[in-house]
Amino acid sequence: MDVLILKALESIRCGFLDVFFSIFTLFGEELVVAGVIAVIYICFNKEFGERAIVTVLSASCITTAVKSGVRRLRPYAAGNVTKADNFLTADLDADMSFPSGHATASSGFFAALSIRFRKAYIIAPSAVLVFLIVLSRLYLGVHYPSDVLAGLVVGIGMAFLWALVYKGFYKARLYIYLGFAALTLIPLFIPAMQTKSMFEMSAIALATAIGLIVENKFIKFEDTDKWVKRIVRLALMALIAAIPYLLLGLLPETTLWFKFLQYFVTISAAILGTPLLIKAFKI
């Protein structure tokens, strides 16, 4: 059934649909979703931004760990369909198909958004967007239907799980997230699961967990409704993240632990440095 669905979608490919689905697959890129969440957290709604961070990152860590352990070949790599080639599908790990990271990140974010605000005008567009994002992965030939289904289960499941944590264990929520982030270190010592993606996700999860705890306890920056301040905050965050990432990127990448360090330092700098400057200069 997986292959039959992919072949049906392959048979309707055309120039218009290639562009159409490439746009929606871009919306589901984990870096794009992470960027949107970071902007929400720093510039618009700190409370929901935090919830989105812990939801999407914990879900993405689970998906990355499963990907690293299962190593399922993508449909095009297995010879079942051809891949729709563009810059969004050019640099994929051929054996990291199950589950879909796009399905996980997008469903986790939009499910968290829908659960938090519970408005029809949010829930309906969110459902449509997630559907188009996961459909784009099938159309492009980079995932099986079972890949995106598993990603949806992880993303939506984690959104509901964190909703329960925020409702019943609010004061302990960030320490629960820290405990989860610490568990992501385990795959880094299992040879079969030592992938670049796993090292990156573990570093990001640990850095955000520590950063959120420190910010919540000591810094406590507040939201702003001033657009000038929002733009300044966004520029600061981009600059603070770029400096350590680029500087460390100049050094030779000898091991995967160096990649872990690069991401840990970058995210730590952004999630702590930006709130510190916001609070210090009343931005």
C-alpha atoms as a PDB file:
ATOM      1  CA  MET A   1       0.000   0.000   0.000  1.00  0.00           C
ATOM      2  CA  ASP A   2       2.865   2.375   0.820  1.00  0.00           C
ATOM      3  CA  VAL A   3       4.386   2.011  -2.630  1.00  0.00           C
ATOM      4  CA  LEU A   4       1.039   2.113  -4.452  1.00  0.00           C
ATOM      5  CA  ILE A   5       0.222   5.498  -2.904  1.00  0.00           C
ATOM      6  CA  LEU A   6       3.644   6.865  -3.824  1.00  0.00           C
ATOM      7  CA  LYS A   7       3.362   5.636  -7.413  1.00  0.00           C
ATOM      8  CA  ALA A   8      -0.082   7.248  -7.723  1.00  0.00           C
ATOM      9  CA  LEU A   9       1.334  10.576  -6.575  1.00  0.00           C
ATOM     10  CA  GLU A  10       4.359  10.166  -8.852  1.00  0.00           C
ATOM     11  CA  SER A  11       2.042   9.725 -11.835  1.00  0.00           C
ATOM     12  CA  ILE A  12       0.472  13.195 -11.362  1.00  0.00           C
ATOM     13  CA  ARG A  13       3.732  15.136 -11.032  1.00  0.00           C
ATOM     14  CA  CYS A  14       3.965  18.310 -13.088  1.00  0.00           C
ATOM     15  CA  GLY A  15       5.778  21.633 -12.903  1.00  0.00           C
ATOM     16  CA  PHE A  16       2.999  23.410 -10.993  1.00  0.00           C
ATOM     17  CA  LEU A  17       2.632  20.678  -8.369  1.00  0.00           C
ATOM     18  CA  ASP A  18       6.408  20.445  -7.992  1.00  0.00           C
ATOM     19  CA  VAL A  19       6.498  24.107  -6.946  1.00  0.00           C
ATOM     20  CA  PHE A  20       3.280  23.864  -4.912  1.00  0.00           C
ATOM     21  CA  PHE A  21       4.446  20.948  -2.781  1.00  0.00           C
ATOM     22  CA  SER A  22       7.983  22.292  -2.501  1.00  0.00           C
ATOM     23  CA  ILE A  23       6.530  25.380  -0.804  1.00  0.00           C
ATOM     24  CA  PHE A  24       4.668  23.277   1.735  1.00  0.00           C
ATOM     25  CA  THR A  25       7.586  20.962   2.368  1.00  0.00           C
ATOM     26  CA  LEU A  26       9.609  24.108   3.163  1.00  0.00           C
ATOM     27  CA  PHE A  27       7.036  25.003   5.846  1.00  0.00           C
ATOM     28  CA  GLY A  28       7.706  21.643   7.465  1.00  0.00           C
ATOM     29  CA  GLU A  29      11.507  21.937   7.519  1.00  0.00           C
ATOM     30  CA  GLU A  30      12.615  21.422  11.118  1.00  0.00           C
ATOM     31  CA  LEU A  31      14.885  24.487  10.955  1.00  0.00           C
ATOM     32  CA  VAL A  32      11.996  26.617   9.676  1.00  0.00           C
ATOM     33  CA  VAL A  33       9.667  25.360  12.433  1.00  0.00           C
ATOM     34  CA  ALA A  34      12.405  25.962  15.017  1.00  0.00           C
ATOM     35  CA  GLY A  35      12.941  29.481  13.676  1.00  0.00           C
ATOM     36  CA  VAL A  36       9.230  30.287  13.897  1.00  0.00           C
ATOM     37  CA  ILE A  37       9.109  29.026  17.483  1.00  0.00           C
ATOM     38  CA  ALA A  38      12.184  31.058  18.432  1.00  0.00           C
ATOM     39  CA  VAL A  39      10.562  34.216  17.017  1.00  0.00           C
ATOM     40  CA  ILE A  40       7.350  33.499  18.937  1.00  0.00           C
ATOM     41  CA  TYR A  41       9.274  32.928  22.184  1.00  0.00           C
ATOM     42  CA  ILE A  42      11.481  36.023  21.973  1.00  0.00           C
ATOM     43  CA  CYS A  43       9.206  38.480  20.151  1.00  0.00           C
ATOM     44  CA  PHE A  44       5.539  37.634  20.684  1.00  0.00           C
ATOM     45  CA  ASN A  45       4.388  35.117  23.286  1.00  0.00           C
ATOM     46  CA  LYS A  46       6.957  33.751  25.716  1.00  0.00           C
ATOM     47  CA  GLU A  47       4.515  31.346  27.393  1.00  0.00           C
ATOM     48  CA  PHE A  48       3.403  29.593  24.226  1.00  0.00           C
ATOM     49  CA  GLY A  49       6.887  29.799  22.732  1.00  0.00           C
ATOM     50  CA  GLU A  50       8.261  27.834  25.664  1.00  0.00           C
ATOM     51  CA  ARG A  51       5.557  25.188  25.335  1.00  0.00           C
ATOM     52  CA  ALA A  52       6.207  24.888  21.607  1.00  0.00           C
ATOM     53  CA  ILE A  53       9.942  24.520  22.223  1.00  0.00           C
ATOM     54  CA  VAL A  54       9.595  21.623  24.641  1.00  0.00           C
ATOM     55  CA  THR A  55       6.888  19.940  22.531  1.00  0.00           C
ATOM     56  CA  VAL A  56       8.598  20.090  19.155  1.00  0.00           C
ATOM     57  CA  LEU A  57      12.120  19.376  20.400  1.00  0.00           C
ATOM     58  CA  SER A  58      11.114  16.414  22.545  1.00  0.00           C
ATOM     59  CA  ALA A  59       9.089  14.989  19.639  1.00  0.00           C
ATOM     60  CA  SER A  60      11.936  15.605  17.195  1.00  0.00           C
ATOM     61  CA  CYS A  61      14.412  13.908  19.540  1.00  0.00           C
ATOM     62  CA  ILE A  62      12.236  10.790  19.621  1.00  0.00           C
ATOM     63  CA  THR A  63      11.908  10.778  15.834  1.00  0.00           C
ATOM     64  CA  THR A  64      15.644  11.318  15.345  1.00  0.00           C
ATOM     65  CA  ALA A  65      16.484   8.498  17.756  1.00  0.00           C
ATOM     66  CA  VAL A  66      14.138   6.118  15.917  1.00  0.00           C
ATOM     67  CA  LYS A  67      15.515   7.238  12.539  1.00  0.00           C
ATOM     68  CA  SER A  68      19.063   6.629  13.744  1.00  0.00           C
ATOM     69  CA  GLY A  69      18.195   3.163  15.015  1.00  0.00           C
ATOM     70  CA  VAL A  70      15.922   1.931  12.201  1.00  0.00           C
ATOM     71  CA  ARG A  71      17.811   3.379   9.205  1.00  0.00           C
ATOM     72  CA  ARG A  72      14.991   2.773   6.737  1.00  0.00           C
ATOM     73  CA  LEU A  73      15.890   3.617   3.141  1.00  0.00           C
ATOM     74  CA  ARG A  74      13.865   6.410   1.604  1.00  0.00           C
ATOM     75  CA  PRO A  75      11.500   5.374  -1.224  1.00  0.00           C
ATOM     76  CA  TYR A  76      13.721   6.757  -3.984  1.00  0.00           C
ATOM     77  CA  ALA A  77      16.830   5.142  -2.449  1.00  0.00           C
ATOM     78  CA  ALA A  78      15.029   1.792  -2.365  1.00  0.00           C
ATOM     79  CA  GLY A  79      14.121   2.171  -6.035  1.00  0.00           C
ATOM     80  CA  ASN A  80      10.352   2.308  -5.461  1.00  0.00           C
ATOM     81  CA  VAL A  81       9.816   5.783  -6.947  1.00  0.00           C
ATOM     82  CA  THR A  82      11.922   8.598  -8.340  1.00  0.00           C
ATOM     83  CA  LYS A  83      12.702  11.675  -6.278  1.00  0.00           C
ATOM     84  CA  ALA A  84      11.439  15.105  -7.315  1.00  0.00           C
ATOM     85  CA  ASP A  85      14.783  16.884  -7.319  1.00  0.00           C
ATOM     86  CA  ASN A  86      15.108  20.401  -5.920  1.00  0.00           C
ATOM     87  CA  PHE A  87      17.235  22.112  -3.284  1.00  0.00           C
ATOM     88  CA  LEU A  88      14.942  20.815  -0.531  1.00  0.00           C
ATOM     89  CA  THR A  89      15.573  17.176  -1.439  1.00  0.00           C
ATOM     90  CA  ALA A  90      19.182  17.438  -2.606  1.00  0.00           C
ATOM     91  CA  ASP A  91      21.009  16.724   0.662  1.00  0.00           C
ATOM     92  CA  LEU A  92      18.961  14.069   2.457  1.00  0.00           C
ATOM     93  CA  ASP A  93      20.314  11.086   4.367  1.00  0.00           C
ATOM     94  CA  ALA A  94      19.124   8.201   2.224  1.00  0.00           C
ATOM     95  CA  ASP A  95      18.646   5.838   5.174  1.00  0.00           C
ATOM     96  CA  MET A  96      16.736   8.181   7.536  1.00  0.00           C
ATOM     97  CA  SER A  97      13.198   7.710   6.257  1.00  0.00           C
ATOM     98  CA  PHE A  98      11.249   6.455   9.294  1.00  0.00           C
ATOM     99  CA  PRO A  99       9.629   8.428  10.910  1.00  0.00           C
ATOM    100  CA  SER A 100       9.230  11.696   9.020  1.00  0.00           C
ATOM    101  CA  GLY A 101      10.852  14.666  10.743  1.00  0.00           C
ATOM    102  CA  HIS A 102       8.651  17.078   8.792  1.00  0.00           C
ATOM    103  CA  ALA A 103       5.500  15.325   9.987  1.00  0.00           C
ATOM    104  CA  THR A 104       6.788  15.273  13.557  1.00  0.00           C
ATOM    105  CA  ALA A 105       7.819  18.936  13.770  1.00  0.00           C
ATOM    106  CA  SER A 106       4.830  20.398  11.943  1.00  0.00           C
ATOM    107  CA  SER A 107       2.189  18.284  13.707  1.00  0.00           C
ATOM    108  CA  GLY A 108       3.834  18.851  17.096  1.00  0.00           C
ATOM    109  CA  PHE A 109       3.843  22.627  16.620  1.00  0.00           C
ATOM    110  CA  PHE A 110       0.345  22.991  15.195  1.00  0.00           C
ATOM    111  CA  ALA A 111      -1.141  20.508  17.661  1.00  0.00           C
ATOM    112  CA  ALA A 112       0.428  22.453  20.539  1.00  0.00           C
ATOM    113  CA  LEU A 113      -0.957  25.673  19.035  1.00  0.00           C
ATOM    114  CA  SER A 114      -4.445  24.175  18.678  1.00  0.00           C
ATOM    115  CA  ILE A 115      -4.472  22.672  22.171  1.00  0.00           C
ATOM    116  CA  ARG A 116      -3.270  25.908  23.753  1.00  0.00           C
ATOM    117  CA  PHE A 117      -5.742  28.281  22.083  1.00  0.00           C
ATOM    118  CA  ARG A 118      -8.622  25.940  21.108  1.00  0.00           C
ATOM    119  CA  LYS A 119     -10.165  28.174  18.451  1.00  0.00           C
ATOM    120  CA  ALA A 120     -11.730  26.841  15.253  1.00  0.00           C
ATOM    121  CA  TYR A 121      -9.931  29.505  13.201  1.00  0.00           C
ATOM    122  CA  ILE A 122      -6.636  28.086  14.492  1.00  0.00           C
ATOM    123  CA  ILE A 123      -7.446  24.364  14.505  1.00  0.00           C
ATOM    124  CA  ALA A 124      -8.842  24.162  10.955  1.00  0.00           C
ATOM    125  CA  PRO A 125      -5.965  25.940   9.133  1.00  0.00           C
ATOM    126  CA  SER A 126      -3.466  24.027  11.286  1.00  0.00           C
ATOM    127  CA  ALA A 127      -4.945  20.695  10.210  1.00  0.00           C
ATOM    128  CA  VAL A 128      -4.905  21.719   6.535  1.00  0.00           C
ATOM    129  CA  LEU A 129      -1.296  22.925   6.732  1.00  0.00           C
ATOM    130  CA  VAL A 130      -0.085  19.734   8.395  1.00  0.00           C
ATOM    131  CA  PHE A 131      -1.926  17.620   5.813  1.00  0.00           C
ATOM    132  CA  LEU A 132      -0.324  19.517   2.923  1.00  0.00           C
ATOM    133  CA  ILE A 133       3.129  19.310   4.539  1.00  0.00           C
ATOM    134  CA  VAL A 134       2.980  15.531   4.983  1.00  0.00           C
ATOM    135  CA  LEU A 135       1.436  15.090   1.540  1.00  0.00           C
ATOM    136  CA  SER A 136       4.350  17.058   0.084  1.00  0.00           C
ATOM    137  CA  ARG A 137       6.798  14.506   1.503  1.00  0.00           C
ATOM    138  CA  LEU A 138       4.951  11.703  -0.276  1.00  0.00           C
ATOM    139  CA  TYR A 139       4.652  13.660  -3.523  1.00  0.00           C
ATOM    140  CA  LEU A 140       8.372  14.424  -3.556  1.00  0.00           C
ATOM    141  CA  GLY A 141       9.167  10.725  -3.084  1.00  0.00           C
ATOM    142  CA  VAL A 142      11.223  11.162   0.094  1.00  0.00           C
ATOM    143  CA  HIS A 143       8.935   9.366   2.576  1.00  0.00           C
ATOM    144  CA  TYR A 144       6.496   6.469   2.710  1.00  0.00           C
ATOM    145  CA  PRO A 145       2.938   7.010   4.046  1.00  0.00           C
ATOM    146  CA  SER A 146       3.908   4.944   7.100  1.00  0.00           C
ATOM    147  CA  ASP A 147       6.811   7.356   7.717  1.00  0.00           C
ATOM    148  CA  VAL A 148       4.562  10.404   7.882  1.00  0.00           C
ATOM    149  CA  LEU A 149       1.914   8.526   9.879  1.00  0.00           C
ATOM    150  CA  ALA A 150       4.501   7.624  12.512  1.00  0.00           C
ATOM    151  CA  GLY A 151       5.716  11.229  12.563  1.00  0.00           C
ATOM    152  CA  LEU A 152       2.151  12.459  13.109  1.00  0.00           C
ATOM    153  CA  VAL A 153       1.673  10.055  15.996  1.00  0.00           C
ATOM    154  CA  VAL A 154       4.875  11.240  17.682  1.00  0.00           C
ATOM    155  CA  GLY A 155       4.224  14.954  17.104  1.00  0.00           C
ATOM    156  CA  ILE A 156       0.566  14.993  18.136  1.00  0.00           C
ATOM    157  CA  GLY A 157       1.184  12.556  20.976  1.00  0.00           C
ATOM    158  CA  MET A 158       3.898  14.746  22.462  1.00  0.00           C
ATOM    159  CA  ALA A 159       1.680  17.827  22.125  1.00  0.00           C
ATOM    160  CA  PHE A 160      -1.018  16.161  24.230  1.00  0.00           C
ATOM    161  CA  LEU A 161       1.540  14.781  26.694  1.00  0.00           C
ATOM    162  CA  TRP A 162       3.071  18.200  27.297  1.00  0.00           C
ATOM    163  CA  ALA A 163      -0.394  19.744  27.602  1.00  0.00           C
ATOM    164  CA  LEU A 164      -0.977  17.344  30.509  1.00  0.00           C
ATOM    165  CA  VAL A 165       2.400  18.214  32.039  1.00  0.00           C
ATOM    166  CA  TYR A 166       1.703  21.951  31.799  1.00  0.00           C
ATOM    167  CA  LYS A 167      -1.719  21.443  33.368  1.00  0.00           C
ATOM    168  CA  GLY A 168      -0.783  19.085  36.189  1.00  0.00           C
ATOM    169  CA  PHE A 169       2.923  19.669  36.840  1.00  0.00           C
ATOM    170  CA  TYR A 170       3.495  23.264  35.779  1.00  0.00           C
ATOM    171  CA  LYS A 171       6.178  24.121  38.337  1.00  0.00           C
ATOM    172  CA  ALA A 172       8.162  20.997  37.470  1.00  0.00           C
ATOM    173  CA  ARG A 173       7.641  21.219  33.701  1.00  0.00           C
ATOM    174  CA  LEU A 174      11.131  22.434  32.794  1.00  0.00           C
ATOM    175  CA  TYR A 175      12.832  19.920  35.061  1.00  0.00           C
ATOM    176  CA  ILE A 176      10.798  17.165  33.412  1.00  0.00           C
ATOM    177  CA  TYR A 177      12.017  18.482  30.066  1.00  0.00           C
ATOM    178  CA  LEU A 178      15.596  18.543  31.382  1.00  0.00           C
ATOM    179  CA  GLY A 179      15.239  14.887  32.397  1.00  0.00           C
ATOM    180  CA  PHE A 180      13.971  14.041  28.923  1.00  0.00           C
ATOM    181  CA  ALA A 181      16.827  15.987  27.316  1.00  0.00           C
ATOM    182  CA  ALA A 182      19.356  14.115  29.453  1.00  0.00           C
ATOM    183  CA  LEU A 183      17.995  10.824  28.108  1.00  0.00           C
ATOM    184  CA  THR A 184      18.970  11.891  24.583  1.00  0.00           C
ATOM    185  CA  LEU A 185      22.608  11.403  25.594  1.00  0.00           C
ATOM    186  CA  ILE A 186      22.109   7.635  25.700  1.00  0.00           C
ATOM    187  CA  PRO A 187      21.932   7.095  21.886  1.00  0.00           C
ATOM    188  CA  LEU A 188      25.182   9.049  21.522  1.00  0.00           C
ATOM    189  CA  PHE A 189      27.035   6.139  23.124  1.00  0.00           C
ATOM    190  CA  ILE A 190      25.343   3.431  21.044  1.00  0.00           C
ATOM    191  CA  PRO A 191      27.417   2.920  17.863  1.00  0.00           C
ATOM    192  CA  ALA A 192      24.429   2.006  15.686  1.00  0.00           C
ATOM    193  CA  MET A 193      22.654   5.268  16.594  1.00  0.00           C
ATOM    194  CA  GLN A 194      25.581   7.670  16.342  1.00  0.00           C
ATOM    195  CA  THR A 195      24.336   9.929  13.558  1.00  0.00           C
ATOM    196  CA  LYS A 196      25.029  13.605  13.009  1.00  0.00           C
ATOM    197  CA  SER A 197      21.328  14.378  13.446  1.00  0.00           C
ATOM    198  CA  MET A 198      21.215  12.619  16.817  1.00  0.00           C
ATOM    199  CA  PHE A 199      24.189  14.572  18.146  1.00  0.00           C
ATOM    200  CA  GLU A 200      22.660  17.851  16.932  1.00  0.00           C
ATOM    201  CA  MET A 201      19.220  17.150  18.427  1.00  0.00           C
ATOM    202  CA  SER A 202      20.664  16.061  21.761  1.00  0.00           C
ATOM    203  CA  ALA A 203      22.743  19.235  21.998  1.00  0.00           C
ATOM    204  CA  ILE A 204      19.772  21.433  21.125  1.00  0.00           C
ATOM    205  CA  ALA A 205      17.508  19.681  23.641  1.00  0.00           C
ATOM    206  CA  LEU A 206      20.021  19.974  26.490  1.00  0.00           C
ATOM    207  CA  ALA A 207      20.868  23.596  25.700  1.00  0.00           C
ATOM    208  CA  THR A 208      17.220  24.660  25.570  1.00  0.00           C
ATOM    209  CA  ALA A 209      16.378  22.763  28.761  1.00  0.00           C
ATOM    210  CA  ILE A 210      19.170  24.416  30.744  1.00  0.00           C
ATOM    211  CA  GLY A 211      18.534  27.788  29.131  1.00  0.00           C
ATOM    212  CA  LEU A 212      14.801  27.761  29.850  1.00  0.00           C
ATOM    213  CA  ILE A 213      15.376  26.824  33.490  1.00  0.00           C
ATOM    214  CA  VAL A 214      17.949  29.582  34.016  1.00  0.00           C
ATOM    215  CA  GLU A 215      15.788  32.161  32.231  1.00  0.00           C
ATOM    216  CA  ASN A 216      12.660  31.163  34.166  1.00  0.00           C
ATOM    217  CA  LYS A 217      14.455  31.315  37.522  1.00  0.00           C
ATOM    218  CA  PHE A 218      16.798  34.292  37.179  1.00  0.00           C
ATOM    219  CA  ILE A 219      16.169  36.424  34.066  1.00  0.00           C
ATOM    220  CA  LYS A 220      12.389  36.486  33.552  1.00  0.00           C
ATOM    221  CA  PHE A 221      12.114  38.721  30.488  1.00  0.00           C
ATOM    222  CA  GLU A 222       8.636  39.857  29.457  1.00  0.00           C
ATOM    223  CA  ASP A 223       6.674  40.025  26.199  1.00  0.00           C
ATOM    224  CA  THR A 224       6.449  43.263  24.275  1.00  0.00           C
ATOM    225  CA  ASP A 225       3.798  44.636  21.940  1.00  0.00           C
ATOM    226  CA  LYS A 226       6.163  47.187  20.377  1.00  0.00           C
ATOM    227  CA  TRP A 227       7.174  46.245  16.835  1.00  0.00           C
ATOM    228  CA  VAL A 228      10.454  48.140  17.010  1.00  0.00           C
ATOM    229  CA  LYS A 229      11.462  46.158  20.093  1.00  0.00           C
ATOM    230  CA  ARG A 230      10.383  42.917  18.430  1.00  0.00           C
ATOM    231  CA  ILE A 231      12.608  43.628  15.429  1.00  0.00           C
ATOM    232  CA  VAL A 232      15.548  44.524  17.675  1.00  0.00           C
ATOM    233  CA  ARG A 233      15.026  41.333  19.698  1.00  0.00           C
ATOM    234  CA  LEU A 234      14.985  39.239  16.537  1.00  0.00           C
ATOM    235  CA  ALA A 235      18.167  40.872  15.232  1.00  0.00           C
ATOM    236  CA  LEU A 236      19.902  40.320  18.570  1.00  0.00           C
ATOM    237  CA  MET A 237      18.926  36.671  18.676  1.00  0.00           C
ATOM    238  CA  ALA A 238      20.187  36.086  15.129  1.00  0.00           C
ATOM    239  CA  LEU A 239      23.472  37.834  15.867  1.00  0.00           C
ATOM    240  CA  ILE A 240      24.058  36.080  19.188  1.00  0.00           C
ATOM    241  CA  ALA A 241      23.414  32.687  17.607  1.00  0.00           C
ATOM    242  CA  ALA A 242      25.476  33.380  14.493  1.00  0.00           C
ATOM    243  CA  ILE A 243      28.694  34.413  16.261  1.00  0.00           C
ATOM    244  CA  PRO A 244      29.512  31.149  18.115  1.00  0.00           C
ATOM    245  CA  TYR A 245      28.121  28.988  15.299  1.00  0.00           C
ATOM    246  CA  LEU A 246      30.323  30.608  12.667  1.00  0.00           C
ATOM    247  CA  LEU A 247      33.402  30.830  14.887  1.00  0.00           C
ATOM    248  CA  LEU A 248      33.192  27.167  15.863  1.00  0.00           C
ATOM    249  CA  GLY A 249      32.470  26.324  12.237  1.00  0.00           C
ATOM    250  CA  LEU A 250      35.930  27.595  11.338  1.00  0.00           C
ATOM    251  CA  LEU A 251      37.516  24.817  13.377  1.00  0.00           C
ATOM    252  CA  PRO A 252      38.035  21.337  11.897  1.00  0.00           C
ATOM    253  CA  GLU A 253      35.098  19.018  12.591  1.00  0.00           C
ATOM    254  CA  THR A 254      37.036  16.015  13.838  1.00  0.00           C
ATOM    255  CA  THR A 255      34.276  14.104  15.634  1.00  0.00           C
ATOM    256  CA  LEU A 256      30.515  14.164  16.076  1.00  0.00           C
ATOM    257  CA  TRP A 257      31.114  15.450  19.601  1.00  0.00           C
ATOM    258  CA  PHE A 258      32.459  18.648  18.039  1.00  0.00           C
ATOM    259  CA  LYS A 259      29.125  19.043  16.238  1.00  0.00           C
ATOM    260  CA  PHE A 260      27.415  18.506  19.601  1.00  0.00           C
ATOM    261  CA  LEU A 261      29.560  21.278  21.118  1.00  0.00           C
ATOM    262  CA  GLN A 262      28.868  23.664  18.236  1.00  0.00           C
ATOM    263  CA  TYR A 263      25.100  23.304  18.569  1.00  0.00           C
ATOM    264  CA  PHE A 264      25.110  23.311  22.375  1.00  0.00           C
ATOM    265  CA  VAL A 265      27.132  26.544  22.570  1.00  0.00           C
ATOM    266  CA  THR A 266      25.118  28.231  19.806  1.00  0.00           C
ATOM    267  CA  ILE A 267      21.705  27.468  21.303  1.00  0.00           C
ATOM    268  CA  SER A 268      22.883  28.236  24.844  1.00  0.00           C
ATOM    269  CA  ALA A 269      24.170  31.625  23.734  1.00  0.00           C
ATOM    270  CA  ALA A 270      20.920  32.468  21.936  1.00  0.00           C
ATOM    271  CA  ILE A 271      18.488  31.275  24.597  1.00  0.00           C
ATOM    272  CA  LEU A 272      20.387  32.914  27.474  1.00  0.00           C
ATOM    273  CA  GLY A 273      22.138  35.865  25.839  1.00  0.00           C
ATOM    274  CA  THR A 274      19.054  37.290  24.123  1.00  0.00           C
ATOM    275  CA  PRO A 275      16.848  37.405  27.272  1.00  0.00           C
ATOM    276  CA  LEU A 276      19.763  38.859  29.263  1.00  0.00           C
ATOM    277  CA  LEU A 277      20.157  41.748  26.822  1.00  0.00           C
ATOM    278  CA  ILE A 278      16.396  42.239  26.596  1.00  0.00           C
ATOM    279  CA  LYS A 279      16.192  42.559  30.372  1.00  0.00           C
ATOM    280  CA  ALA A 280      19.363  44.626  30.756  1.00  0.00           C
ATOM    281  CA  PHE A 281      18.483  47.212  28.093  1.00  0.00           C
ATOM    282  CA  LYS A 282      14.691  46.999  28.539  1.00  0.00           C
ATOM    283  CA  ILE A 283      14.178  46.057  24.910  1.00  0.00           C
END
